[in-house]
Amino acid sequence: MATDSLPPKPLPPGFPLPAVDNAGRPIVVGSKVRILSVRSCARGLPVEDQARLRSYEGQMFDVLEIDRYGMVWFEAEGSGKPDFSLRPDEIAVV
């Protein structure tokens, strides 16, 4: 008997992250937000990728997706698809 889809694995403790920004305001897909920090996604990346991500700090982005872990996804390079994600407490809804 083949199974086409397995149930999702349980999330680690503390996940999903609550969909609220650093001030407790709700975040939804389509929200306009200001990036406060990229620490969670830049850690461990090559220096040039860290610099690119840091250049987004202070900029405005639209929320494209909130994944099952509660990470908030953004599109930065004009691809039309999510490019990077941040923890909700690293952004501010405007």
PDB file of N, CA and C in Angstrom:
ATOM      1  N   MET A   1       0.842  -1.156   0.000  1.00  0.00           N
ATOM      2  CA  MET A   1       0.000   0.000   0.000  1.00  0.00           C
ATOM      3  C   MET A   1       0.899   1.235   0.000  1.00  0.00           C
ATOM      4  N   ALA A   2       0.765   2.105  -1.000  1.00  0.00           N
ATOM      5  CA  ALA A   2       1.562   3.325  -1.112  1.00  0.00           C
ATOM      6  C   ALA A   2       0.824   4.483  -0.451  1.00  0.00           C
ATOM      7  N   THR A   3       1.600   5.343   0.161  1.00  0.00           N
ATOM      8  CA  THR A   3       1.009   6.550   0.733  1.00  0.00           C
ATOM      9  C   THR A   3       1.490   7.736  -0.074  1.00  0.00           C
ATOM     10  N   ASP A   4       0.563   8.512  -0.576  1.00  0.00           N
ATOM     11  CA  ASP A   4       0.911   9.669  -1.393  1.00  0.00           C
ATOM     12  C   ASP A   4       1.436  10.820  -0.559  1.00  0.00           C
ATOM     13  N   SER A   5       0.936  10.962   0.647  1.00  0.00           N
ATOM     14  CA  SER A   5       1.417  12.049   1.492  1.00  0.00           C
ATOM     15  C   SER A   5       1.424  11.589   2.938  1.00  0.00           C
ATOM     16  N   LEU A   6       2.530  11.856   3.572  1.00  0.00           N
ATOM     17  CA  LEU A   6       2.648  11.540   4.979  1.00  0.00           C
ATOM     18  C   LEU A   6       2.207  12.745   5.790  1.00  0.00           C
ATOM     19  N   PRO A   7       1.732  12.525   7.000  1.00  0.00           N
ATOM     20  CA  PRO A   7       1.378  13.685   7.828  1.00  0.00           C
ATOM     21  C   PRO A   7       2.643  14.496   8.116  1.00  0.00           C
ATOM     22  N   PRO A   8       2.501  15.805   8.269  1.00  0.00           N
ATOM     23  CA  PRO A   8       3.688  16.623   8.545  1.00  0.00           C
ATOM     24  C   PRO A   8       4.320  16.241   9.876  1.00  0.00           C
ATOM     25  N   LYS A   9       5.643  16.383   9.933  1.00  0.00           N
ATOM     26  CA  LYS A   9       6.354  16.105  11.180  1.00  0.00           C
ATOM     27  C   LYS A   9       5.935  17.133  12.230  1.00  0.00           C
ATOM     28  N   PRO A  10       5.955  16.738  13.489  1.00  0.00           N
ATOM     29  CA  PRO A  10       5.627  17.698  14.546  1.00  0.00           C
ATOM     30  C   PRO A  10       6.631  18.853  14.535  1.00  0.00           C
ATOM     31  N   LEU A  11       6.153  20.026  14.894  1.00  0.00           N
ATOM     32  CA  LEU A  11       7.021  21.200  14.951  1.00  0.00           C
ATOM     33  C   LEU A  11       7.876  21.152  16.216  1.00  0.00           C
ATOM     34  N   PRO A  12       9.074  21.749  16.152  1.00  0.00           N
ATOM     35  CA  PRO A  12       9.899  21.804  17.359  1.00  0.00           C
ATOM     36  C   PRO A  12       9.238  22.655  18.437  1.00  0.00           C
ATOM     37  N   PRO A  13       9.660  22.489  19.687  1.00  0.00           N
ATOM     38  CA  PRO A  13       9.099  23.314  20.762  1.00  0.00           C
ATOM     39  C   PRO A  13       9.260  24.804  20.437  1.00  0.00           C
ATOM     40  N   GLY A  14       8.218  25.576  20.730  1.00  0.00           N
ATOM     41  CA  GLY A  14       8.246  27.017  20.488  1.00  0.00           C
ATOM     42  C   GLY A  14       7.725  27.429  19.125  1.00  0.00           C
ATOM     43  N   PHE A  15       7.425  26.458  18.267  1.00  0.00           N
ATOM     44  CA  PHE A  15       6.898  26.741  16.934  1.00  0.00           C
ATOM     45  C   PHE A  15       5.486  26.216  16.831  1.00  0.00           C
ATOM     46  N   PRO A  16       4.625  26.851  16.035  1.00  0.00           N
ATOM     47  CA  PRO A  16       4.903  27.998  15.185  1.00  0.00           C
ATOM     48  C   PRO A  16       5.069  29.281  16.006  1.00  0.00           C
ATOM     49  N   LEU A  17       5.905  30.163  15.470  1.00  0.00           N
ATOM     50  CA  LEU A  17       6.078  31.473  16.074  1.00  0.00           C
ATOM     51  C   LEU A  17       4.783  32.253  15.910  1.00  0.00           C
ATOM     52  N   PRO A  18       4.409  33.067  16.893  1.00  0.00           N
ATOM     53  CA  PRO A  18       3.190  33.864  16.743  1.00  0.00           C
ATOM     54  C   PRO A  18       3.356  34.889  15.628  1.00  0.00           C
ATOM     55  N   ALA A  19       2.310  35.100  14.852  1.00  0.00           N
ATOM     56  CA  ALA A  19       2.334  36.025  13.704  1.00  0.00           C
ATOM     57  C   ALA A  19       2.062  37.448  14.177  1.00  0.00           C
ATOM     58  N   VAL A  20       2.968  37.941  15.030  1.00  0.00           N
ATOM     59  CA  VAL A  20       2.895  39.321  15.512  1.00  0.00           C
ATOM     60  C   VAL A  20       4.285  39.935  15.407  1.00  0.00           C
ATOM     61  N   ASP A  21       4.332  41.240  15.103  1.00  0.00           N
ATOM     62  CA  ASP A  21       5.614  41.919  14.937  1.00  0.00           C
ATOM     63  C   ASP A  21       6.250  42.235  16.289  1.00  0.00           C
ATOM     64  N   ASN A  22       7.333  43.006  16.266  1.00  0.00           N
ATOM     65  CA  ASN A  22       8.074  43.307  17.490  1.00  0.00           C
ATOM     66  C   ASN A  22       7.260  44.097  18.512  1.00  0.00           C
ATOM     67  N   ALA A  23       6.178  44.748  18.077  1.00  0.00           N
ATOM     68  CA  ALA A  23       5.315  45.516  18.979  1.00  0.00           C
ATOM     69  C   ALA A  23       4.000  44.798  19.279  1.00  0.00           C
ATOM     70  N   GLY A  24       3.856  43.552  18.816  1.00  0.00           N
ATOM     71  CA  GLY A  24       2.645  42.787  19.084  1.00  0.00           C
ATOM     72  C   GLY A  24       1.524  42.993  18.085  1.00  0.00           C
ATOM     73  N   ARG A  25       1.793  43.726  16.983  1.00  0.00           N
ATOM     74  CA  ARG A  25       0.765  43.933  15.952  1.00  0.00           C
ATOM     75  C   ARG A  25       0.688  42.692  15.054  1.00  0.00           C
ATOM     76  N   PRO A  26      -0.526  42.301  14.649  1.00  0.00           N
ATOM     77  CA  PRO A  26      -0.670  41.104  13.823  1.00  0.00           C
ATOM     78  C   PRO A  26      -0.036  41.270  12.439  1.00  0.00           C
ATOM     79  N   ILE A  27       0.544  40.181  11.959  1.00  0.00           N
ATOM     80  CA  ILE A  27       1.136  40.117  10.621  1.00  0.00           C
ATOM     81  C   ILE A  27       0.279  39.165   9.792  1.00  0.00           C
ATOM     82  N   VAL A  28      -0.106  39.593   8.601  1.00  0.00           N
ATOM     83  CA  VAL A  28      -0.843  38.742   7.670  1.00  0.00           C
ATOM     84  C   VAL A  28      -0.183  38.856   6.299  1.00  0.00           C
ATOM     85  N   VAL A  29      -0.457  37.883   5.441  1.00  0.00           N
ATOM     86  CA  VAL A  29       0.036  37.949   4.069  1.00  0.00           C
ATOM     87  C   VAL A  29      -0.479  39.242   3.445  1.00  0.00           C
ATOM     88  N   GLY A  30       0.417  39.981   2.815  1.00  0.00           N
ATOM     89  CA  GLY A  30       0.070  41.265   2.216  1.00  0.00           C
ATOM     90  C   GLY A  30       0.406  42.455   3.095  1.00  0.00           C
ATOM     91  N   SER A  31       0.717  42.211   4.381  1.00  0.00           N
ATOM     92  CA  SER A  31       1.094  43.320   5.264  1.00  0.00           C
ATOM     93  C   SER A  31       2.331  44.021   4.720  1.00  0.00           C
ATOM     94  N   LYS A  32       2.368  45.339   4.862  1.00  0.00           N
ATOM     95  CA  LYS A  32       3.569  46.110   4.547  1.00  0.00           C
ATOM     96  C   LYS A  32       4.336  46.247   5.847  1.00  0.00           C
ATOM     97  N   VAL A  33       5.627  45.860   5.800  1.00  0.00           N
ATOM     98  CA  VAL A  33       6.446  45.864   7.011  1.00  0.00           C
ATOM     99  C   VAL A  33       7.801  46.509   6.743  1.00  0.00           C
ATOM    100  N   ARG A  34       8.427  46.954   7.822  1.00  0.00           N
ATOM    101  CA  ARG A  34       9.804  47.458   7.776  1.00  0.00           C
ATOM    102  C   ARG A  34      10.688  46.381   8.392  1.00  0.00           C
ATOM    103  N   ILE A  35      11.787  46.075   7.715  1.00  0.00           N
ATOM    104  CA  ILE A  35      12.744  45.095   8.232  1.00  0.00           C
ATOM    105  C   ILE A  35      13.588  45.774   9.310  1.00  0.00           C
ATOM    106  N   LEU A  36      13.570  45.223  10.513  1.00  0.00           N
ATOM    107  CA  LEU A  36      14.354  45.765  11.623  1.00  0.00           C
ATOM    108  C   LEU A  36      15.702  45.062  11.752  1.00  0.00           C
ATOM    109  N   SER A  37      15.730  43.769  11.474  1.00  0.00           N
ATOM    110  CA  SER A  37      16.944  42.968  11.620  1.00  0.00           C
ATOM    111  C   SER A  37      16.863  41.774  10.676  1.00  0.00           C
ATOM    112  N   VAL A  38      18.001  41.328  10.191  1.00  0.00           N
ATOM    113  CA  VAL A  38      18.064  40.115   9.369  1.00  0.00           C
ATOM    114  C   VAL A  38      18.931  39.053  10.055  1.00  0.00           C
ATOM    115  N   ARG A  39      19.158  39.224  11.343  1.00  0.00           N
ATOM    116  CA  ARG A  39      20.048  38.342  12.089  1.00  0.00           C
ATOM    117  C   ARG A  39      19.694  36.860  11.910  1.00  0.00           C
ATOM    118  N   SER A  40      18.425  36.518  11.967  1.00  0.00           N
ATOM    119  CA  SER A  40      18.037  35.101  11.919  1.00  0.00           C
ATOM    120  C   SER A  40      18.335  34.450  10.572  1.00  0.00           C
ATOM    121  N   CYS A  41      18.301  35.210   9.493  1.00  0.00           N
ATOM    122  CA  CYS A  41      18.533  34.585   8.189  1.00  0.00           C
ATOM    123  C   CYS A  41      19.964  34.784   7.681  1.00  0.00           C
ATOM    124  N   ALA A  42      20.698  35.744   8.224  1.00  0.00           N
ATOM    125  CA  ALA A  42      22.052  36.027   7.737  1.00  0.00           C
ATOM    126  C   ALA A  42      23.108  35.148   8.406  1.00  0.00           C
ATOM    127  N   ARG A  43      22.813  34.658   9.572  1.00  0.00           N
ATOM    128  CA  ARG A  43      23.775  33.859  10.330  1.00  0.00           C
ATOM    129  C   ARG A  43      24.273  32.666   9.513  1.00  0.00           C
ATOM    130  N   GLY A  44      25.587  32.536   9.433  1.00  0.00           N
ATOM    131  CA  GLY A  44      26.188  31.378   8.779  1.00  0.00           C
ATOM    132  C   GLY A  44      26.294  31.462   7.273  1.00  0.00           C
ATOM    133  N   LEU A  45      25.792  32.538   6.679  1.00  0.00           N
ATOM    134  CA  LEU A  45      25.868  32.690   5.219  1.00  0.00           C
ATOM    135  C   LEU A  45      27.205  33.304   4.819  1.00  0.00           C
ATOM    136  N   PRO A  46      27.583  33.160   3.542  1.00  0.00           N
ATOM    137  CA  PRO A  46      28.791  33.828   3.050  1.00  0.00           C
ATOM    138  C   PRO A  46      28.678  35.346   3.258  1.00  0.00           C
ATOM    139  N   VAL A  47      29.822  35.998   3.405  1.00  0.00           N
ATOM    140  CA  VAL A  47      29.885  37.430   3.708  1.00  0.00           C
ATOM    141  C   VAL A  47      29.080  38.254   2.713  1.00  0.00           C
ATOM    142  N   GLU A  48      29.159  37.944   1.416  1.00  0.00           N
ATOM    143  CA  GLU A  48      28.432  38.736   0.419  1.00  0.00           C
ATOM    144  C   GLU A  48      26.918  38.590   0.567  1.00  0.00           C
ATOM    145  N   ASP A  49      26.449  37.406   0.944  1.00  0.00           N
ATOM    146  CA  ASP A  49      25.014  37.217   1.177  1.00  0.00           C
ATOM    147  C   ASP A  49      24.570  37.952   2.442  1.00  0.00           C
ATOM    148  N   GLN A  50      25.410  37.932   3.476  1.00  0.00           N
ATOM    149  CA  GLN A  50      25.084  38.678   4.693  1.00  0.00           C
ATOM    150  C   GLN A  50      24.966  40.169   4.394  1.00  0.00           C
ATOM    151  N   ALA A  51      25.897  40.699   3.584  1.00  0.00           N
ATOM    152  CA  ALA A  51      25.862  42.124   3.242  1.00  0.00           C
ATOM    153  C   ALA A  51      24.593  42.460   2.460  1.00  0.00           C
ATOM    154  N   ARG A  52      24.202  41.593   1.518  1.00  0.00           N
ATOM    155  CA  ARG A  52      22.981  41.823   0.735  1.00  0.00           C
ATOM    156  C   ARG A  52      21.775  41.859   1.657  1.00  0.00           C
ATOM    157  N   LEU A  53      21.680  40.905   2.562  1.00  0.00           N
ATOM    158  CA  LEU A  53      20.553  40.861   3.486  1.00  0.00           C
ATOM    159  C   LEU A  53      20.552  42.067   4.416  1.00  0.00           C
ATOM    160  N   ARG A  54      21.710  42.460   4.922  1.00  0.00           N
ATOM    161  CA  ARG A  54      21.771  43.626   5.816  1.00  0.00           C
ATOM    162  C   ARG A  54      21.320  44.897   5.102  1.00  0.00           C
ATOM    163  N   SER A  55      21.507  44.943   3.769  1.00  0.00           N
ATOM    164  CA  SER A  55      21.071  46.130   3.024  1.00  0.00           C
ATOM    165  C   SER A  55      19.548  46.277   3.050  1.00  0.00           C
ATOM    166  N   TYR A  56      18.827  45.234   3.407  1.00  0.00           N
ATOM    167  CA  TYR A  56      17.365  45.293   3.495  1.00  0.00           C
ATOM    168  C   TYR A  56      16.884  45.901   4.809  1.00  0.00           C
ATOM    169  N   GLU A  57      17.751  45.978   5.821  1.00  0.00           N
ATOM    170  CA  GLU A  57      17.348  46.535   7.105  1.00  0.00           C
ATOM    171  C   GLU A  57      16.917  47.985   6.919  1.00  0.00           C
ATOM    172  N   GLY A  58      15.754  48.318   7.472  1.00  0.00           N
ATOM    173  CA  GLY A  58      15.183  49.650   7.344  1.00  0.00           C
ATOM    174  C   GLY A  58      14.293  49.819   6.126  1.00  0.00           C
ATOM    175  N   GLN A  59      14.321  48.846   5.211  1.00  0.00           N
ATOM    176  CA  GLN A  59      13.499  48.937   3.999  1.00  0.00           C
ATOM    177  C   GLN A  59      12.120  48.332   4.233  1.00  0.00           C
ATOM    178  N   MET A  60      11.195  48.718   3.335  1.00  0.00           N
ATOM    179  CA  MET A  60       9.814  48.229   3.389  1.00  0.00           C
ATOM    180  C   MET A  60       9.651  47.048   2.421  1.00  0.00           C
ATOM    181  N   PHE A  61       8.898  46.057   2.868  1.00  0.00           N
ATOM    182  CA  PHE A  61       8.589  44.884   2.059  1.00  0.00           C
ATOM    183  C   PHE A  61       7.143  44.483   2.317  1.00  0.00           C
ATOM    184  N   ASP A  62       6.557  43.765   1.359  1.00  0.00           N
ATOM    185  CA  ASP A  62       5.244  43.154   1.534  1.00  0.00           C
ATOM    186  C   ASP A  62       5.448  41.700   1.960  1.00  0.00           C
ATOM    187  N   VAL A  63       4.645  41.227   2.894  1.00  0.00           N
ATOM    188  CA  VAL A  63       4.702  39.834   3.341  1.00  0.00           C
ATOM    189  C   VAL A  63       4.103  38.957   2.240  1.00  0.00           C
ATOM    190  N   LEU A  64       4.890  37.993   1.763  1.00  0.00           N
ATOM    191  CA  LEU A  64       4.402  37.078   0.727  1.00  0.00           C
ATOM    192  C   LEU A  64       3.784  35.813   1.307  1.00  0.00           C
ATOM    193  N   GLU A  65       4.325  35.370   2.427  1.00  0.00           N
ATOM    194  CA  GLU A  65       3.898  34.090   2.980  1.00  0.00           C
ATOM    195  C   GLU A  65       4.291  34.032   4.449  1.00  0.00           C
ATOM    196  N   ILE A  66       3.531  33.284   5.226  1.00  0.00           N
ATOM    197  CA  ILE A  66       3.911  32.922   6.587  1.00  0.00           C
ATOM    198  C   ILE A  66       3.862  31.404   6.627  1.00  0.00           C
ATOM    199  N   ASP A  67       5.019  30.786   6.844  1.00  0.00           N
ATOM    200  CA  ASP A  67       5.077  29.321   6.747  1.00  0.00           C
ATOM    201  C   ASP A  67       4.592  28.647   8.030  1.00  0.00           C
ATOM    202  N   ARG A  68       4.583  27.350   8.034  1.00  0.00           N
ATOM    203  CA  ARG A  68       4.036  26.593   9.164  1.00  0.00           C
ATOM    204  C   ARG A  68       4.845  26.765  10.440  1.00  0.00           C
ATOM    205  N   TYR A  69       6.078  27.254  10.314  1.00  0.00           N
ATOM    206  CA  TYR A  69       6.912  27.534  11.482  1.00  0.00           C
ATOM    207  C   TYR A  69       6.668  28.937  12.031  1.00  0.00           C
ATOM    208  N   GLY A  70       5.935  29.758  11.268  1.00  0.00           N
ATOM    209  CA  GLY A  70       5.685  31.131  11.654  1.00  0.00           C
ATOM    210  C   GLY A  70       6.703  32.102  11.087  1.00  0.00           C
ATOM    211  N   MET A  71       7.616  31.613  10.237  1.00  0.00           N
ATOM    212  CA  MET A  71       8.598  32.477   9.599  1.00  0.00           C
ATOM    213  C   MET A  71       7.893  33.292   8.512  1.00  0.00           C
ATOM    214  N   VAL A  72       8.303  34.547   8.374  1.00  0.00           N
ATOM    215  CA  VAL A  72       7.674  35.482   7.436  1.00  0.00           C
ATOM    216  C   VAL A  72       8.578  35.592   6.211  1.00  0.00           C
ATOM    217  N   TRP A  73       7.995  35.371   5.026  1.00  0.00           N
ATOM    218  CA  TRP A  73       8.755  35.310   3.776  1.00  0.00           C
ATOM    219  C   TRP A  73       8.549  36.560   2.928  1.00  0.00           C
ATOM    220  N   PHE A  74       9.647  36.963   2.265  1.00  0.00           N
ATOM    221  CA  PHE A  74       9.679  38.163   1.429  1.00  0.00           C
ATOM    222  C   PHE A  74      10.334  37.869   0.085  1.00  0.00           C
ATOM    223  N   GLU A  75      10.005  38.706  -0.885  1.00  0.00           N
ATOM    224  CA  GLU A  75      10.628  38.651  -2.208  1.00  0.00           C
ATOM    225  C   GLU A  75      11.463  39.907  -2.347  1.00  0.00           C
ATOM    226  N   ALA A  76      12.756  39.731  -2.687  1.00  0.00           N
ATOM    227  CA  ALA A  76      13.652  40.885  -2.761  1.00  0.00           C
ATOM    228  C   ALA A  76      14.231  41.107  -4.147  1.00  0.00           C
ATOM    229  N   GLU A  77      14.302  40.108  -4.949  1.00  0.00           N
ATOM    230  CA  GLU A  77      15.037  40.208  -6.209  1.00  0.00           C
ATOM    231  C   GLU A  77      14.130  40.272  -7.434  1.00  0.00           C
ATOM    232  N   GLY A  78      12.859  40.567  -7.268  1.00  0.00           N
ATOM    233  CA  GLY A  78      11.961  40.673  -8.411  1.00  0.00           C
ATOM    234  C   GLY A  78      11.589  39.343  -9.033  1.00  0.00           C
ATOM    235  N   SER A  79      11.774  38.266  -8.294  1.00  0.00           N
ATOM    236  CA  SER A  79      11.497  36.935  -8.826  1.00  0.00           C
ATOM    237  C   SER A  79      10.016  36.576  -8.765  1.00  0.00           C
ATOM    238  N   GLY A  80       9.247  37.303  -7.936  1.00  0.00           N
ATOM    239  CA  GLY A  80       7.839  36.978  -7.772  1.00  0.00           C
ATOM    240  C   GLY A  80       7.597  35.814  -6.831  1.00  0.00           C
ATOM    241  N   LYS A  81       8.665  35.275  -6.247  1.00  0.00           N
ATOM    242  CA  LYS A  81       8.531  34.177  -5.291  1.00  0.00           C
ATOM    243  C   LYS A  81       9.348  34.503  -4.054  1.00  0.00           C
ATOM    244  N   PRO A  82       9.042  33.875  -2.923  1.00  0.00           N
ATOM    245  CA  PRO A  82       9.766  34.180  -1.687  1.00  0.00           C
ATOM    246  C   PRO A  82      11.263  33.919  -1.824  1.00  0.00           C
ATOM    247  N   ASP A  83      12.082  34.890  -1.369  1.00  0.00           N
ATOM    248  CA  ASP A  83      13.536  34.800  -1.449  1.00  0.00           C
ATOM    249  C   ASP A  83      14.197  34.579  -0.083  1.00  0.00           C
ATOM    250  N   PHE A  84      13.621  35.183   0.967  1.00  0.00           N
ATOM    251  CA  PHE A  84      14.229  35.057   2.292  1.00  0.00           C
ATOM    252  C   PHE A  84      13.130  35.176   3.346  1.00  0.00           C
ATOM    253  N   SER A  85      13.436  34.657   4.534  1.00  0.00           N
ATOM    254  CA  SER A  85      12.452  34.699   5.620  1.00  0.00           C
ATOM    255  C   SER A  85      13.092  35.268   6.870  1.00  0.00           C
ATOM    256  N   LEU A  86      12.237  35.812   7.729  1.00  0.00           N
ATOM    257  CA  LEU A  86      12.657  36.383   9.003  1.00  0.00           C
ATOM    258  C   LEU A  86      11.705  35.942  10.103  1.00  0.00           C
ATOM    259  N   ARG A  87      12.197  36.044  11.323  1.00  0.00           N
ATOM    260  CA  ARG A  87      11.323  35.816  12.474  1.00  0.00           C
ATOM    261  C   ARG A  87      10.362  36.997  12.572  1.00  0.00           C
ATOM    262  N   PRO A  88       9.142  36.793  13.022  1.00  0.00           N
ATOM    263  CA  PRO A  88       8.188  37.906  13.128  1.00  0.00           C
ATOM    264  C   PRO A  88       8.686  39.059  13.994  1.00  0.00           C
ATOM    265  N   ASP A  89       9.487  38.774  15.025  1.00  0.00           N
ATOM    266  CA  ASP A  89       9.957  39.858  15.894  1.00  0.00           C
ATOM    267  C   ASP A  89      11.077  40.693  15.268  1.00  0.00           C
ATOM    268  N   GLU A  90      11.485  40.360  14.047  1.00  0.00           N
ATOM    269  CA  GLU A  90      12.510  41.129  13.335  1.00  0.00           C
ATOM    270  C   GLU A  90      11.897  42.144  12.361  1.00  0.00           C
ATOM    271  N   ILE A  91      10.576  42.284  12.402  1.00  0.00           N
ATOM    272  CA  ILE A  91       9.901  43.206  11.494  1.00  0.00           C
ATOM    273  C   ILE A  91       8.903  44.066  12.252  1.00  0.00           C
ATOM    274  N   ALA A  92       8.511  45.173  11.615  1.00  0.00           N
ATOM    275  CA  ALA A  92       7.500  46.071  12.195  1.00  0.00           C
ATOM    276  C   ALA A  92       6.449  46.346  11.137  1.00  0.00           C
ATOM    277  N   VAL A  93       5.196  46.062  11.455  1.00  0.00           N
ATOM    278  CA  VAL A  93       4.084  46.383  10.551  1.00  0.00           C
ATOM    279  C   VAL A  93       3.961  47.897  10.488  1.00  0.00           C
ATOM    280  N   VAL A  94       3.789  48.421   9.273  1.00  0.00           N
ATOM    281  CA  VAL A  94       3.630  49.883   9.112  1.00  0.00           C
ATOM    282  C   VAL A  94       2.244  50.233   8.630  1.00  0.00           C
TER     283      VAL A  94
END
